[in-house]
Amino acid sequence: MPEEVSYDAGEGLIRVKSWGSVTIDDWNASRDAVIELYRRHGVDRLLVDVTMQVSAPSTLDIFDFGAEWPASIRTAVVAGEATREDQEFLENVAMNRARPLRVFDDFETAMLWLDGEEL
């Protein structure tokens, strides 16, 4: 699986790092791990690094994934060029369902948003 999911106690957030070609099964496995860490640590902030991702799941899979994303987890996705449009579609689907998920170009702005700043 080209994804790592971890709890960052120092920052008080969950991290996902994704690279290479990923499938919807990879995304679903990561979502399950994120939910487990959310329940275990009570952390509702997630920073996703997809800057090294070269492909994403299909549009239909992204639509379903975004529609089912947990509303209680504030999610910042830092996108790279290869999958930027896919990540922006995910953001659109999630936001239309009142899920706090935003796509960013850099980690600094993503962290500010996770900290509650409205950008």
PDB file of N, CA and C in Angstrom:
ATOM      1  N   MET A   1       0.849  -1.180   0.000  1.00  0.00           N
ATOM      2  CA  MET A   1       0.000   0.000   0.000  1.00  0.00           C
ATOM      3  C   MET A   1       0.892   1.240   0.000  1.00  0.00           C
ATOM      4  N   PRO A   2       0.721   2.125  -0.965  1.00  0.00           N
ATOM      5  CA  PRO A   2       1.570   3.315  -1.033  1.00  0.00           C
ATOM      6  C   PRO A   2       1.055   4.460  -0.159  1.00  0.00           C
ATOM      7  N   GLU A   3       0.666   4.139   1.064  1.00  0.00           N
ATOM      8  CA  GLU A   3       0.223   5.163   1.995  1.00  0.00           C
ATOM      9  C   GLU A   3       0.654   4.781   3.406  1.00  0.00           C
ATOM     10  N   GLU A   4       0.986   5.809   4.195  1.00  0.00           N
ATOM     11  CA  GLU A   4       1.305   5.623   5.607  1.00  0.00           C
ATOM     12  C   GLU A   4       0.352   6.489   6.413  1.00  0.00           C
ATOM     13  N   VAL A   5      -0.163   5.940   7.498  1.00  0.00           N
ATOM     14  CA  VAL A   5      -1.052   6.668   8.397  1.00  0.00           C
ATOM     15  C   VAL A   5      -0.416   6.641   9.778  1.00  0.00           C
ATOM     16  N   SER A   6      -0.317   7.813  10.413  1.00  0.00           N
ATOM     17  CA  SER A   6       0.319   7.870  11.725  1.00  0.00           C
ATOM     18  C   SER A   6      -0.317   8.952  12.592  1.00  0.00           C
ATOM     19  N   TYR A   7      -0.112   8.806  13.899  1.00  0.00           N
ATOM     20  CA  TYR A   7      -0.549   9.799  14.872  1.00  0.00           C
ATOM     21  C   TYR A   7       0.655  10.628  15.272  1.00  0.00           C
ATOM     22  N   ASP A   8       0.542  11.940  15.183  1.00  0.00           N
ATOM     23  CA  ASP A   8       1.609  12.869  15.549  1.00  0.00           C
ATOM     24  C   ASP A   8       1.208  13.543  16.850  1.00  0.00           C
ATOM     25  N   ALA A   9       1.700  13.005  17.965  1.00  0.00           N
ATOM     26  CA  ALA A   9       1.332  13.527  19.281  1.00  0.00           C
ATOM     27  C   ALA A   9       1.833  14.950  19.480  1.00  0.00           C
ATOM     28  N   GLY A  10       3.009  15.271  18.958  1.00  0.00           N
ATOM     29  CA  GLY A  10       3.571  16.607  19.099  1.00  0.00           C
ATOM     30  C   GLY A  10       2.712  17.687  18.475  1.00  0.00           C
ATOM     31  N   GLU A  11       2.173  17.420  17.309  1.00  0.00           N
ATOM     32  CA  GLU A  11       1.311  18.377  16.611  1.00  0.00           C
ATOM     33  C   GLU A  11      -0.162  18.191  16.958  1.00  0.00           C
ATOM     34  N   GLY A  12      -0.487  17.062  17.582  1.00  0.00           N
ATOM     35  CA  GLY A  12      -1.879  16.790  17.935  1.00  0.00           C
ATOM     36  C   GLY A  12      -2.751  16.571  16.716  1.00  0.00           C
ATOM     37  N   LEU A  13      -2.229  15.765  15.783  1.00  0.00           N
ATOM     38  CA  LEU A  13      -2.991  15.476  14.577  1.00  0.00           C
ATOM     39  C   LEU A  13      -2.628  14.111  14.011  1.00  0.00           C
ATOM     40  N   ILE A  14      -3.424  13.692  13.049  1.00  0.00           N
ATOM     41  CA  ILE A  14      -3.180  12.454  12.319  1.00  0.00           C
ATOM     42  C   ILE A  14      -2.576  12.847  10.980  1.00  0.00           C
ATOM     43  N   ARG A  15      -1.634  12.043  10.504  1.00  0.00           N
ATOM     44  CA  ARG A  15      -0.990  12.303   9.215  1.00  0.00           C
ATOM     45  C   ARG A  15      -1.190  11.114   8.277  1.00  0.00           C
ATOM     46  N   VAL A  16      -1.408  11.445   7.005  1.00  0.00           N
ATOM     47  CA  VAL A  16      -1.404  10.440   5.946  1.00  0.00           C
ATOM     48  C   VAL A  16      -0.412  10.915   4.904  1.00  0.00           C
ATOM     49  N   LYS A  17       0.488  10.036   4.512  1.00  0.00           N
ATOM     50  CA  LYS A  17       1.423  10.325   3.428  1.00  0.00           C
ATOM     51  C   LYS A  17       1.156   9.299   2.333  1.00  0.00           C
ATOM     52  N   SER A  18       0.931   9.807   1.115  1.00  0.00           N
ATOM     53  CA  SER A  18       0.588   8.946  -0.004  1.00  0.00           C
ATOM     54  C   SER A  18       1.533   9.234  -1.157  1.00  0.00           C
ATOM     55  N   TRP A  19       1.936   8.188  -1.859  1.00  0.00           N
ATOM     56  CA  TRP A  19       2.854   8.349  -2.979  1.00  0.00           C
ATOM     57  C   TRP A  19       2.556   7.309  -4.047  1.00  0.00           C
ATOM     58  N   GLY A  20       3.043   7.575  -5.232  1.00  0.00           N
ATOM     59  CA  GLY A  20       2.884   6.620  -6.324  1.00  0.00           C
ATOM     60  C   GLY A  20       1.451   6.520  -6.815  1.00  0.00           C
ATOM     61  N   SER A  21       1.122   5.377  -7.367  1.00  0.00           N
ATOM     62  CA  SER A  21      -0.222   5.101  -7.870  1.00  0.00           C
ATOM     63  C   SER A  21      -1.051   4.477  -6.753  1.00  0.00           C
ATOM     64  N   VAL A  22      -2.209   5.049  -6.496  1.00  0.00           N
ATOM     65  CA  VAL A  22      -3.059   4.537  -5.426  1.00  0.00           C
ATOM     66  C   VAL A  22      -4.419   4.133  -5.977  1.00  0.00           C
ATOM     67  N   THR A  23      -5.049   3.244  -5.256  1.00  0.00           N
ATOM     68  CA  THR A  23      -6.372   2.744  -5.632  1.00  0.00           C
ATOM     69  C   THR A  23      -7.385   3.156  -4.569  1.00  0.00           C
ATOM     70  N   ILE A  24      -8.636   2.932  -4.849  1.00  0.00           N
ATOM     71  CA  ILE A  24      -9.664   3.221  -3.852  1.00  0.00           C
ATOM     72  C   ILE A  24      -9.508   2.298  -2.651  1.00  0.00           C
ATOM     73  N   ASP A  25      -8.997   1.104  -2.852  1.00  0.00           N
ATOM     74  CA  ASP A  25      -8.743   0.213  -1.710  1.00  0.00           C
ATOM     75  C   ASP A  25      -7.693   0.819  -0.780  1.00  0.00           C
ATOM     76  N   ASP A  26      -6.668   1.462  -1.353  1.00  0.00           N
ATOM     77  CA  ASP A  26      -5.659   2.144  -0.535  1.00  0.00           C
ATOM     78  C   ASP A  26      -6.311   3.279   0.258  1.00  0.00           C
ATOM     79  N   TRP A  27      -7.121   4.083  -0.425  1.00  0.00           N
ATOM     80  CA  TRP A  27      -7.794   5.195   0.262  1.00  0.00           C
ATOM     81  C   TRP A  27      -8.717   4.688   1.364  1.00  0.00           C
ATOM     82  N   ASN A  28      -9.460   3.638   1.096  1.00  0.00           N
ATOM     83  CA  ASN A  28     -10.374   3.091   2.109  1.00  0.00           C
ATOM     84  C   ASN A  28      -9.615   2.544   3.311  1.00  0.00           C
ATOM     85  N   ALA A  29      -8.496   1.866   3.059  1.00  0.00           N
ATOM     86  CA  ALA A  29      -7.688   1.338   4.163  1.00  0.00           C
ATOM     87  C   ALA A  29      -7.137   2.483   5.012  1.00  0.00           C
ATOM     88  N   SER A  30      -6.698   3.545   4.362  1.00  0.00           N
ATOM     89  CA  SER A  30      -6.194   4.705   5.097  1.00  0.00           C
ATOM     90  C   SER A  30      -7.308   5.372   5.893  1.00  0.00           C
ATOM     91  N   ARG A  31      -8.504   5.509   5.288  1.00  0.00           N
ATOM     92  CA  ARG A  31      -9.642   6.095   6.006  1.00  0.00           C
ATOM     93  C   ARG A  31      -9.951   5.283   7.264  1.00  0.00           C
ATOM     94  N   ASP A  32      -9.944   3.963   7.152  1.00  0.00           N
ATOM     95  CA  ASP A  32     -10.216   3.112   8.308  1.00  0.00           C
ATOM     96  C   ASP A  32      -9.168   3.323   9.395  1.00  0.00           C
ATOM     97  N   ALA A  33      -7.896   3.448   8.996  1.00  0.00           N
ATOM     98  CA  ALA A  33      -6.819   3.690   9.969  1.00  0.00           C
ATOM     99  C   ALA A  33      -6.971   5.070  10.612  1.00  0.00           C
ATOM    100  N   VAL A  34      -7.352   6.068   9.829  1.00  0.00           N
ATOM    101  CA  VAL A  34      -7.574   7.418  10.358  1.00  0.00           C
ATOM    102  C   VAL A  34      -8.706   7.391  11.388  1.00  0.00           C
ATOM    103  N   ILE A  35      -9.790   6.726  11.076  1.00  0.00           N
ATOM    104  CA  ILE A  35     -10.924   6.655  12.002  1.00  0.00           C
ATOM    105  C   ILE A  35     -10.520   5.951  13.297  1.00  0.00           C
ATOM    106  N   GLU A  36      -9.722   4.910  13.176  1.00  0.00           N
ATOM    107  CA  GLU A  36      -9.236   4.203  14.371  1.00  0.00           C
ATOM    108  C   GLU A  36      -8.385   5.142  15.243  1.00  0.00           C
ATOM    109  N   LEU A  37      -7.482   5.899  14.636  1.00  0.00           N
ATOM    110  CA  LEU A  37      -6.645   6.844  15.400  1.00  0.00           C
ATOM    111  C   LEU A  37      -7.497   7.968  15.990  1.00  0.00           C
ATOM    112  N   TYR A  38      -8.480   8.418  15.251  1.00  0.00           N
ATOM    113  CA  TYR A  38      -9.415   9.443  15.739  1.00  0.00           C
ATOM    114  C   TYR A  38     -10.114   8.942  17.006  1.00  0.00           C
ATOM    115  N   ARG A  39     -10.588   7.731  16.968  1.00  0.00           N
ATOM    116  CA  ARG A  39     -11.277   7.156  18.134  1.00  0.00           C
ATOM    117  C   ARG A  39     -10.317   6.922  19.305  1.00  0.00           C
ATOM    118  N   ARG A  40      -9.131   6.437  19.006  1.00  0.00           N
ATOM    119  CA  ARG A  40      -8.168   6.099  20.054  1.00  0.00           C
ATOM    120  C   ARG A  40      -7.611   7.339  20.746  1.00  0.00           C
ATOM    121  N   HIS A  41      -7.305   8.389  19.983  1.00  0.00           N
ATOM    122  CA  HIS A  41      -6.626   9.562  20.533  1.00  0.00           C
ATOM    123  C   HIS A  41      -7.523  10.792  20.664  1.00  0.00           C
ATOM    124  N   GLY A  42      -8.726  10.749  20.104  1.00  0.00           N
ATOM    125  CA  GLY A  42      -9.623  11.886  20.186  1.00  0.00           C
ATOM    126  C   GLY A  42      -9.154  13.088  19.373  1.00  0.00           C
ATOM    127  N   VAL A  43      -8.342  12.840  18.372  1.00  0.00           N
ATOM    128  CA  VAL A  43      -7.793  13.902  17.531  1.00  0.00           C
ATOM    129  C   VAL A  43      -8.647  14.031  16.280  1.00  0.00           C
ATOM    130  N   ASP A  44      -9.105  15.251  16.012  1.00  0.00           N
ATOM    131  CA  ASP A  44     -10.010  15.454  14.881  1.00  0.00           C
ATOM    132  C   ASP A  44      -9.385  16.288  13.755  1.00  0.00           C
ATOM    133  N   ARG A  45      -8.064  16.370  13.726  1.00  0.00           N
ATOM    134  CA  ARG A  45      -7.353  17.101  12.666  1.00  0.00           C
ATOM    135  C   ARG A  45      -6.491  16.114  11.878  1.00  0.00           C
ATOM    136  N   LEU A  46      -6.563  16.231  10.565  1.00  0.00           N
ATOM    137  CA  LEU A  46      -5.853  15.314   9.677  1.00  0.00           C
ATOM    138  C   LEU A  46      -5.109  16.107   8.612  1.00  0.00           C
ATOM    139  N   LEU A  47      -3.816  15.814   8.463  1.00  0.00           N
ATOM    140  CA  LEU A  47      -2.987  16.417   7.420  1.00  0.00           C
ATOM    141  C   LEU A  47      -2.597  15.322   6.438  1.00  0.00           C
ATOM    142  N   VAL A  48      -3.004  15.491   5.176  1.00  0.00           N
ATOM    143  CA  VAL A  48      -2.747  14.487   4.137  1.00  0.00           C
ATOM    144  C   VAL A  48      -1.753  15.059   3.137  1.00  0.00           C
ATOM    145  N   ASP A  49      -0.654  14.342   2.943  1.00  0.00           N
ATOM    146  CA  ASP A  49       0.385  14.740   1.992  1.00  0.00           C
ATOM    147  C   ASP A  49       0.289  13.842   0.766  1.00  0.00           C
ATOM    148  N   VAL A  50      -0.215  14.406  -0.339  1.00  0.00           N
ATOM    149  CA  VAL A  50      -0.301  13.653  -1.597  1.00  0.00           C
ATOM    150  C   VAL A  50       0.593  14.302  -2.667  1.00  0.00           C
ATOM    151  N   THR A  51       1.605  15.014  -2.219  1.00  0.00           N
ATOM    152  CA  THR A  51       2.478  15.713  -3.159  1.00  0.00           C
ATOM    153  C   THR A  51       3.262  14.760  -4.054  1.00  0.00           C
ATOM    154  N   MET A  52       3.431  13.522  -3.629  1.00  0.00           N
ATOM    155  CA  MET A  52       4.188  12.538  -4.412  1.00  0.00           C
ATOM    156  C   MET A  52       3.275  11.487  -5.050  1.00  0.00           C
ATOM    157  N   GLN A  53       1.989  11.700  -4.983  1.00  0.00           N
ATOM    158  CA  GLN A  53       1.025  10.779  -5.594  1.00  0.00           C
ATOM    159  C   GLN A  53       1.023  11.016  -7.111  1.00  0.00           C
ATOM    160  N   VAL A  54       1.063   9.935  -7.898  1.00  0.00           N
ATOM    161  CA  VAL A  54       1.098  10.082  -9.357  1.00  0.00           C
ATOM    162  C   VAL A  54      -0.238   9.737 -10.010  1.00  0.00           C
ATOM    163  N   SER A  55      -1.101   9.039  -9.301  1.00  0.00           N
ATOM    164  CA  SER A  55      -2.444   8.773  -9.815  1.00  0.00           C
ATOM    165  C   SER A  55      -3.385   8.573  -8.638  1.00  0.00           C
ATOM    166  N   ALA A  56      -4.664   8.817  -8.908  1.00  0.00           N
ATOM    167  CA  ALA A  56      -5.699   8.702  -7.883  1.00  0.00           C
ATOM    168  C   ALA A  56      -6.765   7.729  -8.378  1.00  0.00           C
ATOM    169  N   PRO A  57      -7.686   7.343  -7.512  1.00  0.00           N
ATOM    170  CA  PRO A  57      -8.790   6.480  -7.932  1.00  0.00           C
ATOM    171  C   PRO A  57      -9.657   7.151  -9.000  1.00  0.00           C
ATOM    172  N   SER A  58     -10.601   6.399  -9.525  1.00  0.00           N
ATOM    173  CA  SER A  58     -11.507   6.915 -10.562  1.00  0.00           C
ATOM    174  C   SER A  58     -12.407   8.007  -9.990  1.00  0.00           C
ATOM    175  N   THR A  59     -12.981   8.797 -10.865  1.00  0.00           N
ATOM    176  CA  THR A  59     -13.880   9.880 -10.463  1.00  0.00           C
ATOM    177  C   THR A  59     -15.058   9.354  -9.642  1.00  0.00           C
ATOM    178  N   LEU A  60     -15.652   8.259 -10.073  1.00  0.00           N
ATOM    179  CA  LEU A  60     -16.771   7.685  -9.324  1.00  0.00           C
ATOM    180  C   LEU A  60     -16.339   7.238  -7.932  1.00  0.00           C
ATOM    181  N   ASP A  61     -15.172   6.608  -7.834  1.00  0.00           N
ATOM    182  CA  ASP A  61     -14.661   6.191  -6.526  1.00  0.00           C
ATOM    183  C   ASP A  61     -14.390   7.398  -5.625  1.00  0.00           C
ATOM    184  N   ILE A  62     -13.829   8.461  -6.207  1.00  0.00           N
ATOM    185  CA  ILE A  62     -13.567   9.674  -5.435  1.00  0.00           C
ATOM    186  C   ILE A  62     -14.885  10.277  -4.953  1.00  0.00           C
ATOM    187  N   PHE A  63     -15.895  10.287  -5.815  1.00  0.00           N
ATOM    188  CA  PHE A  63     -17.206  10.819  -5.440  1.00  0.00           C
ATOM    189  C   PHE A  63     -17.761  10.073  -4.226  1.00  0.00           C
ATOM    190  N   ASP A  64     -17.761   8.756  -4.282  1.00  0.00           N
ATOM    191  CA  ASP A  64     -18.272   7.953  -3.166  1.00  0.00           C
ATOM    192  C   ASP A  64     -17.441   8.165  -1.900  1.00  0.00           C
ATOM    193  N   PHE A  65     -16.125   8.220  -2.056  1.00  0.00           N
ATOM    194  CA  PHE A  65     -15.226   8.404  -0.915  1.00  0.00           C
ATOM    195  C   PHE A  65     -15.491   9.743  -0.227  1.00  0.00           C
ATOM    196  N   GLY A  66     -15.597  10.805  -1.006  1.00  0.00           N
ATOM    197  CA  GLY A  66     -15.844  12.129  -0.448  1.00  0.00           C
ATOM    198  C   GLY A  66     -17.199  12.241   0.226  1.00  0.00           C
ATOM    199  N   ALA A  67     -18.193  11.579  -0.351  1.00  0.00           N
ATOM    200  CA  ALA A  67     -19.539  11.609   0.220  1.00  0.00           C
ATOM    201  C   ALA A  67     -19.594  10.888   1.559  1.00  0.00           C
ATOM    202  N   GLU A  68     -18.712   9.921   1.763  1.00  0.00           N
ATOM    203  CA  GLU A  68     -18.716   9.116   2.986  1.00  0.00           C
ATOM    204  C   GLU A  68     -17.664   9.547   3.998  1.00  0.00           C
ATOM    205  N   TRP A  69     -16.893  10.604   3.687  1.00  0.00           N
ATOM    206  CA  TRP A  69     -15.836  11.037   4.601  1.00  0.00           C
ATOM    207  C   TRP A  69     -16.458  11.509   5.914  1.00  0.00           C
ATOM    208  N   PRO A  70     -15.866  11.172   7.063  1.00  0.00           N
ATOM    209  CA  PRO A  70     -16.426  11.567   8.359  1.00  0.00           C
ATOM    210  C   PRO A  70     -16.494  13.093   8.517  1.00  0.00           C
ATOM    211  N   ALA A  71     -17.647  13.586   8.909  1.00  0.00           N
ATOM    212  CA  ALA A  71     -17.848  15.025   9.092  1.00  0.00           C
ATOM    213  C   ALA A  71     -17.108  15.556  10.314  1.00  0.00           C
ATOM    214  N   SER A  72     -16.701  14.682  11.211  1.00  0.00           N
ATOM    215  CA  SER A  72     -16.067  15.113  12.455  1.00  0.00           C
ATOM    216  C   SER A  72     -14.553  15.289  12.347  1.00  0.00           C
ATOM    217  N   ILE A  73     -13.964  14.981  11.192  1.00  0.00           N
ATOM    218  CA  ILE A  73     -12.515  15.080  11.039  1.00  0.00           C
ATOM    219  C   ILE A  73     -12.175  16.207  10.066  1.00  0.00           C
ATOM    220  N   ARG A  74     -11.531  17.253  10.586  1.00  0.00           N
ATOM    221  CA  ARG A  74     -11.095  18.401   9.767  1.00  0.00           C
ATOM    222  C   ARG A  74      -9.853  17.965   8.994  1.00  0.00           C
ATOM    223  N   THR A  75      -9.944  18.000   7.658  1.00  0.00           N
ATOM    224  CA  THR A  75      -8.922  17.395   6.803  1.00  0.00           C
ATOM    225  C   THR A  75      -8.317  18.415   5.847  1.00  0.00           C
ATOM    226  N   ALA A  76      -6.989  18.556   5.915  1.00  0.00           N
ATOM    227  CA  ALA A  76      -6.243  19.402   4.994  1.00  0.00           C
ATOM    228  C   ALA A  76      -5.409  18.497   4.100  1.00  0.00           C
ATOM    229  N   VAL A  77      -5.569  18.661   2.792  1.00  0.00           N
ATOM    230  CA  VAL A  77      -4.842  17.860   1.810  1.00  0.00           C
ATOM    231  C   VAL A  77      -3.856  18.775   1.092  1.00  0.00           C
ATOM    232  N   VAL A  78      -2.577  18.432   1.142  1.00  0.00           N
ATOM    233  CA  VAL A  78      -1.565  19.178   0.395  1.00  0.00           C
ATOM    234  C   VAL A  78      -1.304  18.394  -0.881  1.00  0.00           C
ATOM    235  N   ALA A  79      -1.693  19.006  -2.013  1.00  0.00           N
ATOM    236  CA  ALA A  79      -1.684  18.303  -3.297  1.00  0.00           C
ATOM    237  C   ALA A  79      -0.459  18.644  -4.125  1.00  0.00           C
ATOM    238  N   GLY A  80      -0.071  17.686  -4.951  1.00  0.00           N
ATOM    239  CA  GLY A  80       0.951  17.890  -5.964  1.00  0.00           C
ATOM    240  C   GLY A  80       0.270  18.090  -7.306  1.00  0.00           C
ATOM    241  N   GLU A  81       1.064  18.328  -8.314  1.00  0.00           N
ATOM    242  CA  GLU A  81       0.514  18.597  -9.642  1.00  0.00           C
ATOM    243  C   GLU A  81      -0.197  17.396 -10.264  1.00  0.00           C
ATOM    244  N   ALA A  82       0.337  16.206 -10.076  1.00  0.00           N
ATOM    245  CA  ALA A  82      -0.180  15.030 -10.786  1.00  0.00           C
ATOM    246  C   ALA A  82      -1.631  14.708 -10.451  1.00  0.00           C
ATOM    247  N   THR A  83      -2.034  14.920  -9.196  1.00  0.00           N
ATOM    248  CA  THR A  83      -3.407  14.565  -8.799  1.00  0.00           C
ATOM    249  C   THR A  83      -4.198  15.754  -8.287  1.00  0.00           C
ATOM    250  N   ARG A  84      -3.741  16.958  -8.563  1.00  0.00           N
ATOM    251  CA  ARG A  84      -4.414  18.163  -8.055  1.00  0.00           C
ATOM    252  C   ARG A  84      -5.901  18.193  -8.435  1.00  0.00           C
ATOM    253  N   GLU A  85      -6.230  17.947  -9.689  1.00  0.00           N
ATOM    254  CA  GLU A  85      -7.641  17.990 -10.105  1.00  0.00           C
ATOM    255  C   GLU A  85      -8.475  16.943  -9.374  1.00  0.00           C
ATOM    256  N   ASP A  86      -7.902  15.771  -9.152  1.00  0.00           N
ATOM    257  CA  ASP A  86      -8.618  14.724  -8.408  1.00  0.00           C
ATOM    258  C   ASP A  86      -8.871  15.173  -6.968  1.00  0.00           C
ATOM    259  N   GLN A  87      -7.864  15.786  -6.346  1.00  0.00           N
ATOM    260  CA  GLN A  87      -8.009  16.245  -4.960  1.00  0.00           C
ATOM    261  C   GLN A  87      -9.022  17.385  -4.872  1.00  0.00           C
ATOM    262  N   GLU A  88      -9.033  18.264  -5.868  1.00  0.00           N
ATOM    263  CA  GLU A  88     -10.004  19.354  -5.874  1.00  0.00           C
ATOM    264  C   GLU A  88     -11.432  18.822  -6.074  1.00  0.00           C
ATOM    265  N   PHE A  89     -11.572  17.771  -6.856  1.00  0.00           N
ATOM    266  CA  PHE A  89     -12.889  17.140  -6.993  1.00  0.00           C
ATOM    267  C   PHE A  89     -13.324  16.551  -5.657  1.00  0.00           C
ATOM    268  N   LEU A  90     -12.405  15.881  -4.958  1.00  0.00           N
ATOM    269  CA  LEU A  90     -12.701  15.339  -3.631  1.00  0.00           C
ATOM    270  C   LEU A  90     -13.134  16.460  -2.692  1.00  0.00           C
ATOM    271  N   GLU A  91     -12.432  17.577  -2.709  1.00  0.00           N
ATOM    272  CA  GLU A  91     -12.782  18.720  -1.871  1.00  0.00           C
ATOM    273  C   GLU A  91     -14.204  19.191  -2.183  1.00  0.00           C
ATOM    274  N   ASN A  92     -14.528  19.300  -3.448  1.00  0.00           N
ATOM    275  CA  ASN A  92     -15.859  19.753  -3.870  1.00  0.00           C
ATOM    276  C   ASN A  92     -16.948  18.806  -3.366  1.00  0.00           C
ATOM    277  N   VAL A  93     -16.737  17.515  -3.549  1.00  0.00           N
ATOM    278  CA  VAL A  93     -17.718  16.528  -3.088  1.00  0.00           C
ATOM    279  C   VAL A  93     -17.888  16.618  -1.573  1.00  0.00           C
ATOM    280  N   ALA A  94     -16.773  16.657  -0.849  1.00  0.00           N
ATOM    281  CA  ALA A  94     -16.826  16.700   0.613  1.00  0.00           C
ATOM    282  C   ALA A  94     -17.491  17.983   1.116  1.00  0.00           C
ATOM    283  N   MET A  95     -17.102  19.109   0.561  1.00  0.00           N
ATOM    284  CA  MET A  95     -17.651  20.388   1.018  1.00  0.00           C
ATOM    285  C   MET A  95     -19.149  20.488   0.715  1.00  0.00           C
ATOM    286  N   ASN A  96     -19.592  19.901  -0.388  1.00  0.00           N
ATOM    287  CA  ASN A  96     -21.021  19.913  -0.705  1.00  0.00           C
ATOM    288  C   ASN A  96     -21.833  19.058   0.269  1.00  0.00           C
ATOM    289  N   ARG A  97     -21.163  18.244   1.035  1.00  0.00           N
ATOM    290  CA  ARG A  97     -21.818  17.413   2.037  1.00  0.00           C
ATOM    291  C   ARG A  97     -21.432  17.843   3.456  1.00  0.00           C
ATOM    292  N   ALA A  98     -20.995  19.091   3.567  1.00  0.00           N
ATOM    293  CA  ALA A  98     -20.636  19.700   4.859  1.00  0.00           C
ATOM    294  C   ALA A  98     -19.513  18.955   5.568  1.00  0.00           C
ATOM    295  N   ARG A  99     -18.574  18.412   4.792  1.00  0.00           N
ATOM    296  CA  ARG A  99     -17.387  17.773   5.364  1.00  0.00           C
ATOM    297  C   ARG A  99     -16.255  18.792   5.332  1.00  0.00           C
ATOM    298  N   PRO A 100     -15.565  19.020   6.440  1.00  0.00           N
ATOM    299  CA  PRO A 100     -14.484  20.007   6.467  1.00  0.00           C
ATOM    300  C   PRO A 100     -13.200  19.443   5.837  1.00  0.00           C
ATOM    301  N   LEU A 101     -13.105  19.537   4.532  1.00  0.00           N
ATOM    302  CA  LEU A 101     -11.953  19.027   3.794  1.00  0.00           C
ATOM    303  C   LEU A 101     -11.553  20.092   2.779  1.00  0.00           C
ATOM    304  N   ARG A 102     -10.274  20.507   2.834  1.00  0.00           N
ATOM    305  CA  ARG A 102      -9.763  21.532   1.922  1.00  0.00           C
ATOM    306  C   ARG A 102      -8.441  21.079   1.319  1.00  0.00           C
ATOM    307  N   VAL A 103      -8.185  21.533   0.097  1.00  0.00           N
ATOM    308  CA  VAL A 103      -6.944  21.238  -0.616  1.00  0.00           C
ATOM    309  C   VAL A 103      -6.058  22.482  -0.591  1.00  0.00           C
ATOM    310  N   PHE A 104      -4.768  22.277  -0.343  1.00  0.00           N
ATOM    311  CA  PHE A 104      -3.807  23.371  -0.244  1.00  0.00           C
ATOM    312  C   PHE A 104      -2.582  23.092  -1.101  1.00  0.00           C
ATOM    313  N   ASP A 105      -1.840  24.172  -1.375  1.00  0.00           N
ATOM    314  CA  ASP A 105      -0.601  24.077  -2.144  1.00  0.00           C
ATOM    315  C   ASP A 105       0.610  23.859  -1.257  1.00  0.00           C
ATOM    316  N   ASP A 106       0.498  24.224   0.029  1.00  0.00           N
ATOM    317  CA  ASP A 106       1.665  24.133   0.912  1.00  0.00           C
ATOM    318  C   ASP A 106       1.231  23.732   2.326  1.00  0.00           C
ATOM    319  N   PHE A 107       2.207  23.220   3.069  1.00  0.00           N
ATOM    320  CA  PHE A 107       1.932  22.711   4.410  1.00  0.00           C
ATOM    321  C   PHE A 107       1.646  23.830   5.408  1.00  0.00           C
ATOM    322  N   GLU A 108       2.302  24.967   5.259  1.00  0.00           N
ATOM    323  CA  GLU A 108       2.107  26.069   6.196  1.00  0.00           C
ATOM    324  C   GLU A 108       0.653  26.553   6.191  1.00  0.00           C
ATOM    325  N   THR A 109       0.097  26.773   5.012  1.00  0.00           N
ATOM    326  CA  THR A 109      -1.291  27.225   4.911  1.00  0.00           C
ATOM    327  C   THR A 109      -2.246  26.132   5.384  1.00  0.00           C
ATOM    328  N   ALA A 110      -1.939  24.890   5.062  1.00  0.00           N
ATOM    329  CA  ALA A 110      -2.773  23.771   5.517  1.00  0.00           C
ATOM    330  C   ALA A 110      -2.821  23.714   7.044  1.00  0.00           C
ATOM    331  N   MET A 111      -1.669  23.904   7.690  1.00  0.00           N
ATOM    332  CA  MET A 111      -1.630  23.867   9.154  1.00  0.00           C
ATOM    333  C   MET A 111      -2.403  25.034   9.763  1.00  0.00           C
ATOM    334  N   LEU A 112      -2.304  26.208   9.151  1.00  0.00           N
ATOM    335  CA  LEU A 112      -3.072  27.355   9.655  1.00  0.00           C
ATOM    336  C   LEU A 112      -4.564  27.046   9.625  1.00  0.00           C
ATOM    337  N   TRP A 113      -5.024  26.458   8.518  1.00  0.00           N
ATOM    338  CA  TRP A 113      -6.440  26.111   8.402  1.00  0.00           C
ATOM    339  C   TRP A 113      -6.833  25.037   9.418  1.00  0.00           C
ATOM    340  N   LEU A 114      -5.962  24.039   9.595  1.00  0.00           N
ATOM    341  CA  LEU A 114      -6.251  23.004  10.605  1.00  0.00           C
ATOM    342  C   LEU A 114      -6.345  23.599  12.005  1.00  0.00           C
ATOM    343  N   ASP A 115      -5.575  24.655  12.252  1.00  0.00           N
ATOM    344  CA  ASP A 115      -5.591  25.324  13.549  1.00  0.00           C
ATOM    345  C   ASP A 115      -6.807  26.222  13.719  1.00  0.00           C
ATOM    346  N   GLY A 116      -7.678  26.273  12.697  1.00  0.00           N
ATOM    347  CA  GLY A 116      -8.924  27.012  12.835  1.00  0.00           C
ATOM    348  C   GLY A 116      -8.976  28.354  12.147  1.00  0.00           C
ATOM    349  N   GLU A 117      -7.902  28.753  11.495  1.00  0.00           N
ATOM    350  CA  GLU A 117      -7.933  30.021  10.786  1.00  0.00           C
ATOM    351  C   GLU A 117      -8.756  29.882   9.516  1.00  0.00           C
ATOM    352  N   GLU A 118      -9.599  30.840   9.274  1.00  0.00           N
ATOM    353  CA  GLU A 118     -10.403  30.836   8.044  1.00  0.00           C
ATOM    354  C   GLU A 118      -9.608  31.551   6.967  1.00  0.00           C
ATOM    355  N   LEU A 119      -9.315  30.827   5.917  1.00  0.00           N
ATOM    356  CA  LEU A 119      -8.474  31.373   4.843  1.00  0.00           C
ATOM    357  C   LEU A 119      -9.290  31.642   3.609  1.00  0.00           C
TER     358      LEU A 119
END
